[in-house]
Amino acid sequence: MKDYFGYKDKICVVTGASSGMGEATVKMLVDLGAKVYAIDINECKVDWITKFIKCNLAKKMMNKSKNALNSGNE
């Protein structure tokens, strides 16, 4: 995703982060490299979303590492 507004390393606060537009906004901002505070009245759902995002970030990091290793072996 192209970061047109420079969200990388910015601190963002998203309310209503456990579902719908708030959840989508959290995922988008994290994907753009922002540091996100996800806030919602439903704490359990916010915990689930943060675990989901951390898992996806770890997968992306692993894929980048694999790609870097593979490009070095060619």
Protein backbone atom coordinates (compact mmCIF):
# COMPACT_ATOMS: atom_id res chain seq x y z
CA MET A 1 0.00 0.00 0.00
CA LYS A 2 1.34 3.43 -0.93
CA ASP A 3 1.79 5.79 2.03
CA TYR A 4 0.59 9.10 0.58
CA PHE A 5 0.37 10.90 3.94
CA GLY A 6 3.60 9.80 5.64
CA TYR A 7 2.22 7.58 8.42
CA LYS A 8 5.48 5.64 8.87
CA ASP A 9 6.64 5.92 12.50
CA LYS A 10 3.77 8.30 13.37
CA ILE A 11 1.72 7.67 16.51
CA CYS A 12 -1.98 7.13 15.78
CA VAL A 13 -4.95 6.56 18.09
CA VAL A 14 -7.94 4.62 16.76
CA THR A 15 -11.16 4.46 18.76
CA GLY A 16 -13.71 1.77 18.03
CA ALA A 17 -10.82 -0.44 16.98
CA SER A 18 -12.38 -3.84 17.63
CA SER A 19 -14.54 -4.07 14.51
CA GLY A 20 -15.68 -2.48 11.28
CA MET A 21 -14.03 0.73 10.14
CA GLY A 22 -11.93 0.99 13.30
CA GLU A 23 -10.46 -2.48 12.80
CA ALA A 24 -9.76 -1.78 9.13
CA THR A 25 -8.13 1.53 10.03
CA VAL A 26 -5.87 -0.15 12.60
CA LYS A 27 -4.76 -2.76 10.07
CA MET A 28 -4.13 -0.13 7.39
CA LEU A 29 -2.11 2.14 9.68
CA VAL A 30 0.01 -0.74 10.94
CA ASP A 31 0.59 -1.86 7.36
CA LEU A 32 1.78 1.69 6.57
CA GLY A 33 4.26 1.57 9.45
CA ALA A 34 2.45 3.68 12.04
CA LYS A 35 2.58 3.03 15.76
CA VAL A 36 -1.08 2.47 16.64
CA TYR A 37 -2.99 2.67 19.91
CA ALA A 38 -6.16 0.60 19.42
CA ILE A 39 -8.92 1.59 21.85
CA ASP A 40 -12.37 0.06 22.26
CA ILE A 41 -14.89 -0.68 24.97
CA ASN A 42 -14.57 -4.40 24.08
CA GLU A 43 -11.12 -5.19 25.45
CA CYS A 44 -11.17 -8.87 24.41
CA LYS A 45 -11.66 -8.03 20.74
CA VAL A 46 -8.88 -5.44 20.83
CA ASP A 47 -6.56 -8.07 22.34
CA TRP A 48 -7.47 -10.45 19.50
CA ILE A 49 -6.80 -7.80 16.85
CA THR A 50 -3.41 -6.91 18.31
CA LYS A 51 -2.43 -10.60 18.35
CA PHE A 52 -3.63 -10.96 14.75
CA ILE A 53 -1.61 -7.93 13.65
CA LYS A 54 1.53 -9.05 15.50
CA CYS A 55 1.25 -12.47 13.85
CA ASN A 56 0.90 -10.89 10.39
CA LEU A 57 3.84 -8.55 11.03
CA ALA A 58 5.99 -11.51 12.08
CA LYS A 59 5.04 -13.35 8.87
CA LYS A 60 5.95 -10.30 6.77
CA MET A 61 9.33 -10.04 8.50
CA MET A 62 10.00 -13.73 7.87
CA ASN A 63 9.06 -13.37 4.20
CA LYS A 64 11.36 -10.35 3.81
CA SER A 65 14.20 -12.32 5.42
CA LYS A 66 13.59 -15.30 3.13
CA ASN A 67 13.49 -13.04 0.07
CA ALA A 68 16.73 -11.36 1.11
CA LEU A 69 18.41 -14.73 1.61
CA ASN A 70 17.10 -16.04 -1.71
CA SER A 71 18.22 -12.98 -3.64
CA GLY A 72 21.69 -13.33 -2.14
CA ASN A 73 22.00 -16.94 -3.32
CA GLU A 74 21.34 -16.18 -6.98
